């Protein structure tokens, strides 16, 4: 079953699946720019990451009180959506 995401979030998920690694709000904004999209506010980038986490596709990592990043969930990140 696939989860309906906006075209922006769908494009982000495709890049995350392709590139892997740690995803921060800054990296999301840079990715949107590289895709020719208007870079959203930091809060929008954070919300996009949270949507993917809530869908079970990403894992959130809180390194400390000031640094958070997300990674692709190994068993769920490559299937579905």
N, C-alpha and C. Protein backbone atom coordinates (compact mmCIF):
# COMPACT_ATOMS: atom_id res chain seq x y z
N UNK A 1 0.85 -1.18 0.00
CA UNK A 1 0.00 0.00 0.00
C UNK A 1 0.89 1.23 0.00
N UNK A 2 0.60 2.17 -0.85
CA UNK A 2 1.45 3.34 -0.87
C UNK A 2 0.78 4.52 -0.18
N UNK A 3 1.63 5.35 0.39
CA UNK A 3 1.18 6.52 1.12
C UNK A 3 1.25 7.71 0.19
N UNK A 4 0.16 8.46 0.06
CA UNK A 4 0.21 9.60 -0.85
C UNK A 4 0.99 10.77 -0.23
N UNK A 5 2.05 11.14 -0.89
CA UNK A 5 2.84 12.29 -0.48
C UNK A 5 2.73 13.36 -1.56
N UNK A 6 3.05 14.58 -1.20
CA UNK A 6 3.10 15.65 -2.19
C UNK A 6 4.22 15.34 -3.17
N UNK A 7 4.19 15.94 -4.36
CA UNK A 7 5.29 15.72 -5.31
C UNK A 7 6.66 16.08 -4.72
N UNK A 8 6.70 17.11 -3.88
CA UNK A 8 7.96 17.53 -3.27
C UNK A 8 8.51 16.43 -2.37
N UNK A 9 7.67 15.86 -1.51
CA UNK A 9 8.10 14.82 -0.58
C UNK A 9 8.44 13.54 -1.34
N UNK A 10 7.69 13.24 -2.38
CA UNK A 10 7.98 12.07 -3.20
C UNK A 10 9.35 12.20 -3.85
N UNK A 11 9.67 13.39 -4.36
CA UNK A 11 10.99 13.63 -4.96
C UNK A 11 12.09 13.50 -3.91
N UNK A 12 11.84 14.03 -2.72
CA UNK A 12 12.81 13.92 -1.63
C UNK A 12 13.07 12.46 -1.29
N UNK A 13 12.03 11.67 -1.16
CA UNK A 13 12.19 10.26 -0.83
C UNK A 13 13.02 9.54 -1.89
N UNK A 14 12.80 9.87 -3.15
CA UNK A 14 13.58 9.23 -4.23
C UNK A 14 15.06 9.54 -4.08
N UNK A 15 15.39 10.78 -3.72
CA UNK A 15 16.80 11.16 -3.54
C UNK A 15 17.38 10.49 -2.30
N UNK A 16 16.61 10.44 -1.23
CA UNK A 16 17.09 9.77 -0.01
C UNK A 16 17.38 8.30 -0.31
N UNK A 17 16.49 7.65 -1.05
CA UNK A 17 16.70 6.24 -1.40
C UNK A 17 17.94 6.08 -2.28
N UNK A 18 18.15 7.02 -3.18
CA UNK A 18 19.28 6.95 -4.10
C UNK A 18 20.61 7.22 -3.40
N UNK A 19 20.63 8.28 -2.56
CA UNK A 19 21.89 8.75 -1.98
C UNK A 19 22.19 8.21 -0.59
N UNK A 20 21.15 7.86 0.17
CA UNK A 20 21.36 7.37 1.53
C UNK A 20 22.00 8.42 2.42
N UNK A 21 22.55 7.98 3.53
CA UNK A 21 23.26 8.88 4.44
C UNK A 21 22.36 9.56 5.45
N UNK A 22 22.92 10.59 6.07
CA UNK A 22 22.23 11.34 7.11
C UNK A 22 21.52 12.53 6.47
N UNK A 23 20.26 12.73 6.85
CA UNK A 23 19.44 13.80 6.28
C UNK A 23 19.03 14.80 7.36
N UNK A 24 19.48 16.02 7.17
CA UNK A 24 19.15 17.14 8.06
C UNK A 24 18.23 18.09 7.29
N UNK A 25 17.66 19.04 8.00
CA UNK A 25 16.82 20.02 7.31
C UNK A 25 17.64 20.80 6.28
N UNK A 26 18.88 21.09 6.58
CA UNK A 26 19.74 21.81 5.62
C UNK A 26 19.95 20.98 4.36
N UNK A 27 20.20 19.70 4.52
CA UNK A 27 20.42 18.84 3.35
C UNK A 27 19.15 18.75 2.51
N UNK A 28 18.00 18.70 3.17
CA UNK A 28 16.72 18.68 2.45
C UNK A 28 16.57 19.96 1.63
N UNK A 29 16.82 21.11 2.25
CA UNK A 29 16.71 22.38 1.54
C UNK A 29 17.67 22.42 0.35
N UNK A 30 18.90 21.98 0.54
CA UNK A 30 19.88 21.95 -0.55
C UNK A 30 19.43 21.02 -1.67
N UNK A 31 18.83 19.90 -1.30
CA UNK A 31 18.33 18.94 -2.29
C UNK A 31 17.20 19.55 -3.11
N UNK A 32 16.29 20.23 -2.46
CA UNK A 32 15.20 20.88 -3.20
C UNK A 32 15.76 21.90 -4.19
N UNK A 33 16.74 22.67 -3.76
CA UNK A 33 17.36 23.64 -4.67
C UNK A 33 17.99 22.93 -5.87
N UNK A 34 18.71 21.84 -5.60
CA UNK A 34 19.38 21.09 -6.67
C UNK A 34 18.36 20.50 -7.65
N UNK A 35 17.17 20.22 -7.18
CA UNK A 35 16.10 19.69 -8.03
C UNK A 35 15.34 20.80 -8.75
N UNK A 36 15.76 22.04 -8.54
CA UNK A 36 15.10 23.17 -9.19
C UNK A 36 13.83 23.62 -8.51
N UNK A 37 13.64 23.19 -7.28
CA UNK A 37 12.47 23.60 -6.50
C UNK A 37 12.84 24.77 -5.61
N UNK A 38 11.85 25.54 -5.26
CA UNK A 38 12.08 26.61 -4.29
C UNK A 38 12.34 25.94 -2.94
N UNK A 39 13.44 26.30 -2.30
CA UNK A 39 13.76 25.71 -0.99
C UNK A 39 12.78 26.23 0.05
N UNK A 40 12.13 25.31 0.74
CA UNK A 40 11.16 25.73 1.75
C UNK A 40 11.85 26.23 3.02
N UNK A 41 11.06 26.77 3.89
CA UNK A 41 11.53 27.15 5.21
C UNK A 41 12.08 25.91 5.92
N UNK A 42 12.92 26.14 6.90
CA UNK A 42 13.48 25.04 7.69
C UNK A 42 12.38 24.19 8.32
N UNK A 43 11.32 24.85 8.78
CA UNK A 43 10.23 24.10 9.42
C UNK A 43 9.50 23.21 8.41
N UNK A 44 9.42 23.62 7.16
CA UNK A 44 8.80 22.80 6.13
C UNK A 44 9.67 21.59 5.83
N UNK A 45 11.00 21.80 5.73
CA UNK A 45 11.92 20.68 5.50
C UNK A 45 11.83 19.69 6.65
N UNK A 46 11.76 20.20 7.87
CA UNK A 46 11.63 19.32 9.05
C UNK A 46 10.33 18.53 8.97
N UNK A 47 9.25 19.21 8.59
CA UNK A 47 7.95 18.53 8.46
C UNK A 47 7.98 17.43 7.41
N UNK A 48 8.69 17.68 6.31
CA UNK A 48 8.80 16.65 5.26
C UNK A 48 9.53 15.42 5.80
N UNK A 49 10.60 15.64 6.53
CA UNK A 49 11.33 14.52 7.14
C UNK A 49 10.44 13.78 8.14
N UNK A 50 9.68 14.52 8.92
CA UNK A 50 8.79 13.91 9.91
C UNK A 50 7.68 13.10 9.24
N UNK A 51 7.16 13.58 8.10
CA UNK A 51 6.15 12.81 7.36
C UNK A 51 6.71 11.44 6.95
N UNK A 52 7.93 11.46 6.45
CA UNK A 52 8.56 10.21 6.03
C UNK A 52 8.85 9.31 7.23
N UNK A 53 9.21 9.91 8.34
CA UNK A 53 9.41 9.12 9.57
C UNK A 53 8.09 8.51 10.03
N UNK A 54 7.04 9.30 10.05
CA UNK A 54 5.73 8.81 10.50
C UNK A 54 5.19 7.71 9.59
N UNK A 55 5.60 7.72 8.33
CA UNK A 55 5.19 6.67 7.39
C UNK A 55 6.05 5.41 7.53
N UNK A 56 7.03 5.46 8.44
CA UNK A 56 7.88 4.30 8.68
C UNK A 56 9.02 4.15 7.70
N UNK A 57 9.34 5.21 6.96
CA UNK A 57 10.38 5.13 5.94
C UNK A 57 11.73 5.64 6.42
N UNK A 58 11.72 6.51 7.43
CA UNK A 58 12.97 7.06 7.97
C UNK A 58 13.05 6.78 9.47
N UNK A 59 14.28 6.81 9.98
CA UNK A 59 14.55 6.68 11.41
C UNK A 59 15.15 8.00 11.88
N UNK A 60 14.63 8.53 12.97
CA UNK A 60 15.15 9.79 13.53
C UNK A 60 16.26 9.48 14.53
N UNK A 61 17.32 10.29 14.45
CA UNK A 61 18.45 10.17 15.37
C UNK A 61 18.65 11.53 16.04
N UNK A 62 18.57 11.56 17.35
CA UNK A 62 18.84 12.79 18.11
C UNK A 62 20.22 12.65 18.70
N UNK A 63 21.20 13.27 18.04
CA UNK A 63 22.57 13.14 18.51
C UNK A 63 22.78 13.89 19.82
N UNK A 64 22.19 15.04 19.93
CA UNK A 64 22.17 15.80 21.18
C UNK A 64 20.99 16.76 21.09
N UNK A 65 20.90 17.67 22.03
CA UNK A 65 19.74 18.57 22.07
C UNK A 65 19.68 19.51 20.87
N UNK A 66 20.78 19.67 20.15
CA UNK A 66 20.78 20.64 19.05
C UNK A 66 20.99 20.02 17.67
N UNK A 67 21.20 18.71 17.57
CA UNK A 67 21.46 18.09 16.27
C UNK A 67 20.62 16.84 16.08
N UNK A 68 19.79 16.88 15.04
CA UNK A 68 18.91 15.76 14.70
C UNK A 68 19.12 15.46 13.22
N UNK A 69 19.11 14.17 12.92
CA UNK A 69 19.16 13.77 11.51
C UNK A 69 18.33 12.52 11.33
N UNK A 70 18.06 12.19 10.09
CA UNK A 70 17.25 11.03 9.74
C UNK A 70 18.02 10.15 8.78
N UNK A 71 17.77 8.84 8.84
CA UNK A 71 18.33 7.89 7.89
C UNK A 71 17.21 7.02 7.37
N UNK A 72 17.46 6.42 6.23
CA UNK A 72 16.49 5.51 5.62
C UNK A 72 16.34 4.28 6.50
N UNK A 73 15.11 3.88 6.74
CA UNK A 73 14.85 2.66 7.52
C UNK A 73 15.16 1.48 6.60
N UNK A 74 16.10 0.63 6.98
CA UNK A 74 16.53 -0.45 6.09
C UNK A 74 15.42 -1.34 5.55
N UNK A 75 14.51 -1.80 6.41
CA UNK A 75 13.48 -2.72 5.93
C UNK A 75 12.33 -2.02 5.24
N UNK A 76 12.10 -0.73 5.51
CA UNK A 76 10.92 -0.07 4.92
C UNK A 76 11.26 0.98 3.90
N UNK A 77 12.51 1.41 3.88
CA UNK A 77 12.86 2.53 3.01
C UNK A 77 12.94 2.21 1.54
N UNK A 78 13.06 0.94 1.20
CA UNK A 78 13.21 0.61 -0.21
C UNK A 78 11.96 0.09 -0.86
N UNK A 79 10.90 -0.07 -0.10
CA UNK A 79 9.69 -0.67 -0.66
C UNK A 79 8.51 0.28 -0.57
N UNK A 80 7.47 -0.06 -1.28
CA UNK A 80 6.23 0.71 -1.18
C UNK A 80 6.27 2.02 -1.92
N UNK A 81 5.78 3.01 -1.29
CA UNK A 81 5.60 4.38 -1.75
C UNK A 81 6.19 4.66 -3.09
